[in-house]
C-alpha cells in the first residue's frame, strides 16, 4: 500500500493503518531495534511502541516519508531502552560499538545535552555528509544512524569489509577535522 494512503488512514483514525504499517515496515523497524538492542523481545516491544507513537502523533504530524518517520521513532525508543538497561556498562550491540567508534573521534563538547548545541552539531554533520560521495554517505549513515554491522554495510555497498572499515576510519577522521574547522572543541 502507498505511504500516503497509510498516513491518511492514521489521520482518519482507521486502526488498519497499524496493520498496514506492520506489514510494510515491520521487518525494517525490527532490524533497527535489533541493531541497537540485540534482544528480540526488547526489539519487538520497541517496534510495538513505535506503532503506538505513530498512532498518537499522526493527527498532529503528517510525515512526508513514512519509513524515515517510523525509523526515527523506533531508533529513539530503542536508544532509550538501551540507555536504561545499560546505564552502568555498555553491551556488545552494534549501537554500542558504533557509538564508541564515533565517540573516540567526535565529541559535542562539555555540555552535549544543550538543545542549541546539539542542533548546530547536527546541522554541521549534515553539511559534512552532503560533501561525501554516495558510497561514503551510505557507509557512514548505515553505521552511525542505522547501526548496521560492517559486514552488512559492505554487502549493500558492494565493497569489502576491510574497505568498509578503512572508509569508516577515514570518515571519522574527516568528520573530526571538519568539526574542528567549524569551531567545535573536539
N, C-alpha and C. Protein backbone atom coordinates (compact mmCIF):
# COMPACT_ATOMS: atom_id res chain seq x y z
N UNK A 1 0.84 -1.18 0.00
CA UNK A 1 0.00 0.00 0.00
C UNK A 1 0.89 1.25 0.00
N UNK A 2 0.44 2.28 -0.64
CA UNK A 2 1.14 3.55 -0.76
C UNK A 2 1.23 4.24 0.61
N UNK A 3 2.38 4.86 0.90
CA UNK A 3 2.59 5.53 2.19
C UNK A 3 1.56 6.62 2.44
N UNK A 4 1.22 7.38 1.42
CA UNK A 4 0.24 8.47 1.60
C UNK A 4 -1.11 7.91 2.06
N UNK A 5 -1.48 6.75 1.55
CA UNK A 5 -2.74 6.12 1.96
C UNK A 5 -2.66 5.66 3.41
N UNK A 6 -1.50 5.13 3.79
CA UNK A 6 -1.34 4.69 5.18
C UNK A 6 -1.43 5.90 6.11
N UNK A 7 -0.77 6.99 5.76
CA UNK A 7 -0.83 8.20 6.59
C UNK A 7 -2.27 8.71 6.67
N UNK A 8 -2.97 8.69 5.55
CA UNK A 8 -4.39 9.10 5.56
C UNK A 8 -5.20 8.23 6.52
N UNK A 9 -4.88 6.94 6.55
CA UNK A 9 -5.59 6.04 7.46
C UNK A 9 -5.32 6.42 8.91
N UNK A 10 -4.08 6.80 9.23
CA UNK A 10 -3.78 7.27 10.59
C UNK A 10 -4.62 8.52 10.90
N UNK A 11 -4.65 9.44 9.96
CA UNK A 11 -5.40 10.68 10.15
C UNK A 11 -6.89 10.42 10.32
N UNK A 12 -7.39 9.41 9.61
CA UNK A 12 -8.81 9.06 9.72
C UNK A 12 -9.09 8.19 10.94
N UNK A 13 -8.03 7.89 11.71
CA UNK A 13 -8.12 7.06 12.92
C UNK A 13 -8.61 5.65 12.58
N UNK A 14 -8.19 5.16 11.42
CA UNK A 14 -8.51 3.82 10.97
C UNK A 14 -7.44 2.87 11.51
N UNK A 15 -7.83 1.93 12.36
CA UNK A 15 -6.87 1.04 13.01
C UNK A 15 -6.14 0.14 12.03
N UNK A 16 -6.65 0.00 10.81
CA UNK A 16 -5.96 -0.79 9.79
C UNK A 16 -4.63 -0.15 9.40
N UNK A 17 -4.46 1.12 9.74
CA UNK A 17 -3.19 1.80 9.46
C UNK A 17 -2.03 1.08 10.15
N UNK A 18 -2.27 0.62 11.35
CA UNK A 18 -1.22 -0.09 12.10
C UNK A 18 -0.90 -1.42 11.44
N UNK A 19 -1.93 -2.12 10.99
CA UNK A 19 -1.73 -3.40 10.30
C UNK A 19 -0.92 -3.19 9.02
N UNK A 20 -1.30 -2.17 8.25
CA UNK A 20 -0.58 -1.87 7.01
C UNK A 20 0.87 -1.46 7.29
N UNK A 21 1.05 -0.68 8.33
CA UNK A 21 2.40 -0.26 8.72
C UNK A 21 3.24 -1.47 9.11
N UNK A 22 2.64 -2.35 9.88
CA UNK A 22 3.35 -3.55 10.31
C UNK A 22 3.74 -4.42 9.12
N UNK A 23 2.83 -4.58 8.18
CA UNK A 23 3.12 -5.40 7.01
C UNK A 23 4.22 -4.80 6.15
N UNK A 24 4.18 -3.49 5.98
CA UNK A 24 5.13 -2.84 5.07
C UNK A 24 6.47 -2.55 5.74
N UNK A 25 6.46 -2.17 7.02
CA UNK A 25 7.69 -1.70 7.65
C UNK A 25 8.12 -2.49 8.89
N UNK A 26 7.39 -3.53 9.23
CA UNK A 26 7.71 -4.29 10.44
C UNK A 26 9.13 -4.83 10.46
N UNK A 27 9.57 -5.44 9.38
CA UNK A 27 10.92 -6.01 9.33
C UNK A 27 11.99 -4.91 9.40
N UNK A 28 11.74 -3.83 8.70
CA UNK A 28 12.66 -2.68 8.70
C UNK A 28 12.82 -2.11 10.11
N UNK A 29 11.71 -1.92 10.81
CA UNK A 29 11.74 -1.37 12.16
C UNK A 29 12.40 -2.33 13.14
N UNK A 30 12.12 -3.61 12.98
CA UNK A 30 12.72 -4.62 13.86
C UNK A 30 14.23 -4.68 13.67
N UNK A 31 14.69 -4.52 12.45
CA UNK A 31 16.12 -4.53 12.18
C UNK A 31 16.81 -3.36 12.90
N UNK A 32 16.22 -2.19 12.83
CA UNK A 32 16.80 -1.03 13.51
C UNK A 32 16.86 -1.29 15.01
N UNK A 33 15.77 -1.76 15.57
CA UNK A 33 15.72 -2.01 17.02
C UNK A 33 16.71 -3.09 17.43
N UNK A 34 16.82 -4.16 16.65
CA UNK A 34 17.77 -5.24 16.99
C UNK A 34 19.21 -4.77 16.91
N UNK A 35 19.51 -3.91 15.94
CA UNK A 35 20.88 -3.40 15.84
C UNK A 35 21.26 -2.59 17.07
N UNK A 36 20.31 -1.98 17.69
CA UNK A 36 20.58 -1.19 18.88
C UNK A 36 20.55 -2.05 20.13
N UNK A 37 19.58 -2.94 20.23
CA UNK A 37 19.35 -3.67 21.48
C UNK A 37 19.91 -5.08 21.52
N UNK A 38 20.05 -5.74 20.39
CA UNK A 38 20.49 -7.15 20.35
C UNK A 38 19.65 -8.05 21.24
N UNK A 39 18.39 -7.74 21.37
CA UNK A 39 17.47 -8.54 22.16
C UNK A 39 16.13 -8.55 21.43
N UNK A 40 15.71 -9.73 21.02
CA UNK A 40 14.49 -9.84 20.22
C UNK A 40 13.27 -9.33 20.95
N UNK A 41 13.10 -9.71 22.21
CA UNK A 41 11.92 -9.31 22.95
C UNK A 41 11.86 -7.79 23.14
N UNK A 42 12.97 -7.18 23.54
CA UNK A 42 13.00 -5.72 23.70
C UNK A 42 12.80 -5.02 22.36
N UNK A 43 13.36 -5.60 21.30
CA UNK A 43 13.21 -5.02 19.97
C UNK A 43 11.76 -5.04 19.52
N UNK A 44 11.10 -6.17 19.72
CA UNK A 44 9.69 -6.28 19.35
C UNK A 44 8.84 -5.30 20.15
N UNK A 45 9.18 -5.13 21.41
CA UNK A 45 8.46 -4.17 22.26
C UNK A 45 8.62 -2.75 21.72
N UNK A 46 9.84 -2.40 21.31
CA UNK A 46 10.08 -1.06 20.76
C UNK A 46 9.32 -0.86 19.45
N UNK A 47 9.25 -1.89 18.64
CA UNK A 47 8.51 -1.79 17.38
C UNK A 47 7.02 -1.56 17.68
N UNK A 48 6.49 -2.31 18.63
CA UNK A 48 5.08 -2.11 19.01
C UNK A 48 4.86 -0.70 19.58
N UNK A 49 5.80 -0.23 20.38
CA UNK A 49 5.71 1.13 20.91
C UNK A 49 5.79 2.16 19.78
N UNK A 50 6.50 1.81 18.72
CA UNK A 50 6.59 2.70 17.55
C UNK A 50 5.22 2.86 16.90
N UNK A 51 4.50 1.75 16.76
CA UNK A 51 3.16 1.83 16.18
C UNK A 51 2.25 2.72 17.03
N UNK A 52 2.35 2.58 18.35
CA UNK A 52 1.55 3.41 19.24
C UNK A 52 1.96 4.88 19.13
N UNK A 53 3.26 5.14 19.10
CA UNK A 53 3.73 6.52 18.97
C UNK A 53 3.29 7.13 17.65
N UNK A 54 3.32 6.34 16.59
CA UNK A 54 2.85 6.83 15.29
C UNK A 54 1.36 7.13 15.36
N UNK A 55 0.60 6.25 15.97
CA UNK A 55 -0.84 6.45 16.12
C UNK A 55 -1.13 7.74 16.89
N UNK A 56 -0.40 7.96 17.96
CA UNK A 56 -0.63 9.14 18.79
C UNK A 56 -0.13 10.43 18.15
N UNK A 57 0.85 10.35 17.29
CA UNK A 57 1.45 11.57 16.72
C UNK A 57 0.89 11.96 15.36
N UNK A 58 0.26 11.05 14.67
CA UNK A 58 -0.19 11.34 13.31
C UNK A 58 -1.28 12.40 13.20
N UNK A 59 -2.21 12.50 14.09
CA UNK A 59 -3.18 13.57 13.88
C UNK A 59 -2.53 14.96 13.90
N UNK A 60 -1.39 15.07 14.49
CA UNK A 60 -0.69 16.35 14.52
C UNK A 60 0.32 16.44 13.38
N UNK A 61 1.07 15.38 13.17
CA UNK A 61 2.11 15.34 12.14
C UNK A 61 1.62 14.60 10.91
N UNK A 62 2.07 15.05 9.76
CA UNK A 62 1.79 14.35 8.51
C UNK A 62 3.15 14.12 7.83
N UNK A 63 3.78 12.97 8.14
CA UNK A 63 5.13 12.73 7.60
C UNK A 63 5.12 12.59 6.08
N UNK A 64 6.14 13.19 5.46
CA UNK A 64 6.28 13.07 4.01
C UNK A 64 6.86 11.73 3.63
N UNK A 65 7.79 11.24 4.45
CA UNK A 65 8.43 9.95 4.18
C UNK A 65 8.17 9.06 5.40
N UNK A 66 7.21 8.18 5.28
CA UNK A 66 6.76 7.37 6.41
C UNK A 66 7.87 6.48 6.96
N UNK A 67 8.67 5.88 6.10
CA UNK A 67 9.73 4.99 6.57
C UNK A 67 10.73 5.75 7.46
N UNK A 68 11.08 6.95 7.07
CA UNK A 68 12.01 7.75 7.85
C UNK A 68 11.38 8.16 9.18
N UNK A 69 10.14 8.56 9.13
CA UNK A 69 9.40 8.96 10.33
C UNK A 69 9.34 7.81 11.34
N UNK A 70 8.96 6.64 10.87
CA UNK A 70 8.88 5.47 11.74
C UNK A 70 10.26 5.03 12.22
N UNK A 71 11.24 5.09 11.32
CA UNK A 71 12.61 4.71 11.68
C UNK A 71 13.16 5.60 12.78
N UNK A 72 12.86 6.88 12.71
CA UNK A 72 13.32 7.81 13.73
C UNK A 72 12.68 7.50 15.08
N UNK A 73 11.40 7.17 15.06
CA UNK A 73 10.71 6.83 16.31
C UNK A 73 11.30 5.56 16.93
N UNK A 74 11.42 4.49 16.14
CA UNK A 74 11.92 3.23 16.70
C UNK A 74 13.36 3.37 17.15
N UNK A 75 14.13 4.15 16.43
CA UNK A 75 15.53 4.38 16.79
C UNK A 75 15.60 5.04 18.17
N UNK A 76 14.82 6.10 18.38
CA UNK A 76 14.87 6.81 19.65
C UNK A 76 14.34 5.95 20.79
N UNK A 77 13.25 5.23 20.55
CA UNK A 77 12.72 4.34 21.58
C UNK A 77 13.74 3.27 21.96
N UNK A 78 14.41 2.71 20.96
CA UNK A 78 15.40 1.66 21.21
C UNK A 78 16.60 2.21 21.96
N UNK A 79 17.04 3.39 21.60
CA UNK A 79 18.17 4.01 22.31
C UNK A 79 17.78 4.28 23.76
N UNK A 80 16.56 4.73 23.99
CA UNK A 80 16.10 4.96 25.36
C UNK A 80 16.11 3.67 26.18
N UNK A 81 15.62 2.58 25.58
CA UNK A 81 15.64 1.29 26.27
C UNK A 81 17.08 0.85 26.53
N UNK A 82 17.93 1.01 25.52
CA UNK A 82 19.33 0.64 25.66
C UNK A 82 19.97 1.39 26.82
N UNK A 83 19.74 2.68 26.88
CA UNK A 83 20.33 3.50 27.95
C UNK A 83 19.83 3.08 29.32
N UNK A 84 18.56 2.76 29.43
CA UNK A 84 18.00 2.31 30.71
C UNK A 84 18.62 0.99 31.14
N UNK A 85 18.77 0.09 30.18
CA UNK A 85 19.28 -1.25 30.52
C UNK A 85 20.79 -1.27 30.78
N UNK A 86 21.50 -0.32 30.21
CA UNK A 86 22.95 -0.36 30.32
C UNK A 86 23.51 0.94 30.87
N UNK A 87 22.84 1.49 31.86
CA UNK A 87 23.29 2.77 32.40
C UNK A 87 24.67 2.66 33.04
N UNK A 88 25.04 1.50 33.49
CA UNK A 88 26.35 1.31 34.10
C UNK A 88 27.43 0.89 33.10
N UNK A 89 27.07 -0.01 32.18
CA UNK A 89 28.07 -0.57 31.28
C UNK A 89 27.46 -0.85 29.93
N UNK A 90 28.15 -0.50 28.87
CA UNK A 90 27.66 -0.76 27.51
C UNK A 90 27.86 -2.23 27.16
N UNK A 91 26.91 -2.74 26.39
CA UNK A 91 26.99 -4.12 25.92
C UNK A 91 27.68 -4.20 24.58
N UNK A 92 27.57 -5.32 23.92
CA UNK A 92 28.25 -5.54 22.65
C UNK A 92 27.34 -5.37 21.45
N UNK A 93 26.36 -4.49 21.52
CA UNK A 93 25.46 -4.30 20.39
C UNK A 93 26.13 -3.44 19.32
N UNK A 94 25.55 -3.46 18.13
CA UNK A 94 26.06 -2.61 17.05
C UNK A 94 25.94 -1.14 17.44
N UNK A 95 24.88 -0.79 18.18
CA UNK A 95 24.73 0.59 18.64
C UNK A 95 25.91 0.97 19.53
N UNK A 96 26.22 0.13 20.50
CA UNK A 96 27.32 0.44 21.42
C UNK A 96 28.65 0.52 20.69
N UNK A 97 28.88 -0.42 19.79
CA UNK A 97 30.14 -0.42 19.04
C UNK A 97 30.27 0.82 18.16
N UNK A 98 29.20 1.15 17.43
CA UNK A 98 29.29 2.31 16.54
C UNK A 98 29.35 3.60 17.34
N UNK A 99 28.65 3.67 18.46
CA UNK A 99 28.72 4.85 19.33
C UNK A 99 30.13 5.03 19.86
N UNK A 100 30.74 3.96 20.33
CA UNK A 100 32.11 4.04 20.85
C UNK A 100 33.09 4.45 19.77
N UNK A 101 32.94 3.90 18.56
CA UNK A 101 33.83 4.26 17.46
C UNK A 101 33.76 5.76 17.18
N UNK A 102 32.56 6.25 17.06
CA UNK A 102 32.37 7.66 16.72
C UNK A 102 32.78 8.56 17.88
N UNK A 103 32.49 8.13 19.07
CA UNK A 103 32.80 8.95 20.25
C UNK A 103 34.30 9.10 20.47
N UNK A 104 35.11 8.15 19.98
CA UNK A 104 36.55 8.26 20.10
C UNK A 104 37.08 9.48 19.36
N UNK A 105 36.42 9.83 18.26
CA UNK A 105 36.91 10.90 17.40
C UNK A 105 36.06 12.16 17.42
N UNK A 106 34.84 12.06 17.88
CA UNK A 106 33.94 13.21 17.82
C UNK A 106 33.22 13.35 19.16
N UNK A 107 33.28 14.51 19.73
CA UNK A 107 32.56 14.81 20.94
C UNK A 107 31.87 16.14 20.73
N UNK A 108 30.68 16.30 21.26
CA UNK A 108 29.97 17.56 21.06
C UNK A 108 30.29 18.59 22.12
N UNK A 109 31.30 18.36 22.94
CA UNK A 109 31.71 19.36 23.90
C UNK A 109 31.33 18.99 25.32
N UNK A 110 31.62 19.90 26.26
CA UNK A 110 31.42 19.60 27.66
C UNK A 110 29.95 19.49 28.07
N UNK A 111 29.02 20.09 27.32
CA UNK A 111 27.61 20.04 27.67
C UNK A 111 26.78 19.61 26.47
N UNK A 112 26.85 18.33 26.07
CA UNK A 112 26.21 17.87 24.83
C UNK A 112 24.70 17.84 24.87
N UNK A 113 24.10 18.02 26.04
CA UNK A 113 22.65 17.94 26.14
C UNK A 113 21.95 19.25 25.83
N UNK A 114 22.70 20.33 25.70
CA UNK A 114 22.05 21.59 25.37
C UNK A 114 21.46 21.51 23.97
N UNK A 115 20.21 21.87 23.88
CA UNK A 115 19.47 21.70 22.62
C UNK A 115 20.08 22.50 21.47
N UNK A 116 20.48 23.69 21.70
CA UNK A 116 21.02 24.52 20.64
C UNK A 116 22.33 23.94 20.09
N UNK A 117 23.21 23.55 20.97
CA UNK A 117 24.47 22.97 20.53
C UNK A 117 24.24 21.68 19.75
N UNK A 118 23.30 20.88 20.22
CA UNK A 118 23.00 19.62 19.53
C UNK A 118 22.46 19.90 18.13
N UNK A 119 21.60 20.90 18.01
CA UNK A 119 21.04 21.24 16.70
C UNK A 119 22.13 21.75 15.76
N UNK A 120 23.00 22.61 16.27
CA UNK A 120 24.09 23.13 15.45
C UNK A 120 25.04 22.01 15.03
N UNK A 121 25.32 21.10 15.94
CA UNK A 121 26.18 19.97 15.62
C UNK A 121 25.53 19.09 14.54
N UNK A 122 24.24 18.85 14.67
CA UNK A 122 23.53 18.05 13.66
C UNK A 122 23.58 18.72 12.30
N UNK A 123 23.42 20.03 12.27
CA UNK A 123 23.50 20.76 11.00
C UNK A 123 24.90 20.66 10.40
N UNK A 124 25.91 20.74 11.23
CA UNK A 124 27.29 20.62 10.74
C UNK A 124 27.56 19.22 10.20
N UNK A 125 27.07 18.21 10.89
CA UNK A 125 27.27 16.84 10.42
C UNK A 125 26.52 16.62 9.10
N UNK A 126 25.32 17.17 8.99
CA UNK A 126 24.56 17.07 7.73
C UNK A 126 25.31 17.73 6.59
N UNK A 127 25.90 18.89 6.84
CA UNK A 127 26.68 19.58 5.81
C UNK A 127 27.88 18.72 5.41
N UNK A 128 28.53 18.11 6.38
CA UNK A 128 29.66 17.22 6.11
C UNK A 128 29.21 16.06 5.22
N UNK A 129 28.08 15.45 5.56
CA UNK A 129 27.58 14.31 4.80
C UNK A 129 27.23 14.69 3.36
N UNK A 130 26.73 15.89 3.15
CA UNK A 130 26.39 16.33 1.80
C UNK A 130 27.63 16.45 0.91
N UNK A 131 28.79 16.62 1.51
CA UNK A 131 30.04 16.73 0.75
C UNK A 131 30.60 15.38 0.33
N UNK A 132 30.09 14.30 0.91
CA UNK A 132 30.60 12.96 0.62
C UNK A 132 29.97 12.41 -0.64
N UNK A 133 30.67 11.45 -1.27
CA UNK A 133 30.04 10.76 -2.40
C UNK A 133 29.02 9.76 -1.84
N UNK A 134 28.20 9.21 -2.70
CA UNK A 134 27.07 8.38 -2.28
C UNK A 134 27.51 7.17 -1.46
N UNK A 135 28.56 6.49 -1.88
CA UNK A 135 29.00 5.30 -1.14
C UNK A 135 29.48 5.67 0.25
N UNK A 136 30.27 6.72 0.35
CA UNK A 136 30.75 7.15 1.67
C UNK A 136 29.58 7.53 2.57
N UNK A 137 28.63 8.23 2.01
CA UNK A 137 27.45 8.64 2.79
C UNK A 137 26.67 7.41 3.25
N UNK A 138 26.49 6.44 2.35
CA UNK A 138 25.76 5.22 2.70
C UNK A 138 26.48 4.44 3.80
N UNK A 139 27.80 4.37 3.71
CA UNK A 139 28.59 3.67 4.72
C UNK A 139 28.44 4.36 6.07
N UNK A 140 28.61 5.67 6.08
CA UNK A 140 28.55 6.44 7.32
C UNK A 140 27.16 6.35 7.96
N UNK A 141 26.13 6.58 7.18
CA UNK A 141 24.76 6.55 7.71
C UNK A 141 24.37 5.14 8.13
N UNK A 142 24.79 4.16 7.34
CA UNK A 142 24.50 2.77 7.70
C UNK A 142 25.07 2.41 9.06
N UNK A 143 26.27 2.88 9.32
CA UNK A 143 26.93 2.54 10.58
C UNK A 143 26.43 3.39 11.76
N UNK A 144 26.33 4.69 11.55
CA UNK A 144 26.09 5.58 12.68
C UNK A 144 24.66 6.07 12.82
N UNK A 145 23.79 5.73 11.88
CA UNK A 145 22.37 6.03 12.06
C UNK A 145 21.57 4.74 12.21
N UNK A 146 21.80 3.79 11.30
CA UNK A 146 21.07 2.53 11.36
C UNK A 146 21.79 1.48 12.20
N UNK A 147 23.04 1.73 12.57
CA UNK A 147 23.84 0.83 13.40
C UNK A 147 24.02 -0.54 12.77
N UNK A 148 24.14 -0.56 11.44
CA UNK A 148 24.40 -1.81 10.74
C UNK A 148 25.81 -2.27 11.02
N UNK A 149 26.02 -3.57 10.96
CA UNK A 149 27.35 -4.11 11.15
C UNK A 149 28.21 -3.78 9.92
N UNK A 150 29.51 -3.85 10.09
CA UNK A 150 30.42 -3.58 8.98
C UNK A 150 30.16 -4.58 7.86
N UNK A 151 29.87 -5.80 8.20
CA UNK A 151 29.58 -6.84 7.21
C UNK A 151 28.35 -6.48 6.38
N UNK A 152 27.29 -6.04 7.06
CA UNK A 152 26.07 -5.65 6.33
C UNK A 152 26.34 -4.47 5.41
N UNK A 153 27.05 -3.49 5.91
CA UNK A 153 27.37 -2.29 5.12
C UNK A 153 28.16 -2.68 3.88
N UNK A 154 29.16 -3.50 4.07
CA UNK A 154 29.98 -3.95 2.93
C UNK A 154 29.10 -4.65 1.90
N UNK A 155 28.15 -5.45 2.37
CA UNK A 155 27.27 -6.17 1.46
C UNK A 155 26.40 -5.26 0.62
N UNK A 156 25.72 -4.32 1.25
CA UNK A 156 24.81 -3.49 0.45
C UNK A 156 25.51 -2.36 -0.28
N UNK A 157 26.76 -2.08 0.08
CA UNK A 157 27.52 -1.06 -0.67
C UNK A 157 28.40 -1.69 -1.75
N UNK A 158 28.50 -3.02 -1.75
CA UNK A 158 29.28 -3.71 -2.76
C UNK A 158 30.78 -3.50 -2.60
N UNK A 159 31.24 -3.43 -1.34
CA UNK A 159 32.66 -3.26 -1.06
C UNK A 159 33.09 -4.33 -0.06
N UNK A 160 34.39 -4.50 0.11
CA UNK A 160 34.87 -5.50 1.06
C UNK A 160 34.72 -4.96 2.49
N UNK A 161 34.70 -5.88 3.46
CA UNK A 161 34.63 -5.47 4.86
C UNK A 161 35.84 -4.61 5.23
N UNK A 162 36.99 -5.00 4.73
CA UNK A 162 38.20 -4.23 5.00
C UNK A 162 38.08 -2.81 4.46
N UNK A 163 37.55 -2.70 3.25
CA UNK A 163 37.36 -1.38 2.65
C UNK A 163 36.36 -0.56 3.47
N UNK A 164 35.29 -1.20 3.95
CA UNK A 164 34.29 -0.51 4.76
C UNK A 164 34.90 -0.01 6.06
N UNK A 165 35.70 -0.86 6.71
CA UNK A 165 36.35 -0.45 7.96
C UNK A 165 37.30 0.73 7.73
N UNK A 166 38.08 0.63 6.68
CA UNK A 166 39.01 1.72 6.35
C UNK A 166 38.25 3.00 6.05
N UNK A 167 37.18 2.87 5.28
CA UNK A 167 36.37 4.04 4.93
C UNK A 167 35.77 4.68 6.19
N UNK A 168 35.26 3.86 7.10
CA UNK A 168 34.70 4.39 8.34
C UNK A 168 35.76 5.11 9.16
N UNK A 169 36.95 4.52 9.24
CA UNK A 169 38.04 5.15 9.98
C UNK A 169 38.37 6.52 9.38
N UNK A 170 38.50 6.55 8.08
CA UNK A 170 38.83 7.82 7.40
C UNK A 170 37.71 8.84 7.53
N UNK A 171 36.48 8.38 7.42
CA UNK A 171 35.34 9.30 7.54
C UNK A 171 35.24 9.90 8.94
N UNK A 172 35.53 9.10 9.96
CA UNK A 172 35.53 9.64 11.33
C UNK A 172 36.60 10.72 11.48
N UNK A 173 37.76 10.46 10.91
CA UNK A 173 38.85 11.45 10.97
C UNK A 173 38.47 12.71 10.19
N UNK A 174 37.88 12.53 9.01
CA UNK A 174 37.46 13.68 8.22
C UNK A 174 36.39 14.49 8.95
N UNK A 175 35.46 13.79 9.59
CA UNK A 175 34.42 14.48 10.34
C UNK A 175 35.03 15.25 11.50
N UNK A 176 35.96 14.65 12.17
CA UNK A 176 36.64 15.32 13.29
C UNK A 176 37.30 16.60 12.81
N UNK A 177 38.04 16.51 11.71
CA UNK A 177 38.72 17.69 11.16
C UNK A 177 37.70 18.74 10.71
N UNK A 178 36.62 18.30 10.09
CA UNK A 178 35.58 19.21 9.64
C UNK A 178 34.97 19.96 10.83
N UNK A 179 34.68 19.23 11.89
CA UNK A 179 34.05 19.86 13.05
C UNK A 179 35.01 20.82 13.77
N UNK A 180 36.27 20.47 13.77
CA UNK A 180 37.26 21.40 14.36
C UNK A 180 37.27 22.70 13.55
N UNK A 181 37.24 22.57 12.21
CA UNK A 181 37.20 23.75 11.35
C UNK A 181 35.93 24.58 11.61
N UNK A 182 34.84 23.89 11.96
CA UNK A 182 33.58 24.57 12.23
C UNK A 182 33.55 25.20 13.62
N UNK A 183 34.59 24.98 14.41
CA UNK A 183 34.69 25.61 15.72
C UNK A 183 34.31 24.76 16.90
N UNK A 184 34.17 23.46 16.67
CA UNK A 184 33.86 22.57 17.79
C UNK A 184 35.14 22.14 18.45
N UNK A 185 35.22 22.25 19.76
CA UNK A 185 36.40 21.84 20.52
C UNK A 185 36.36 20.35 20.76
N UNK A 186 36.98 19.62 19.87
CA UNK A 186 36.95 18.16 19.95
C UNK A 186 38.26 17.64 20.49
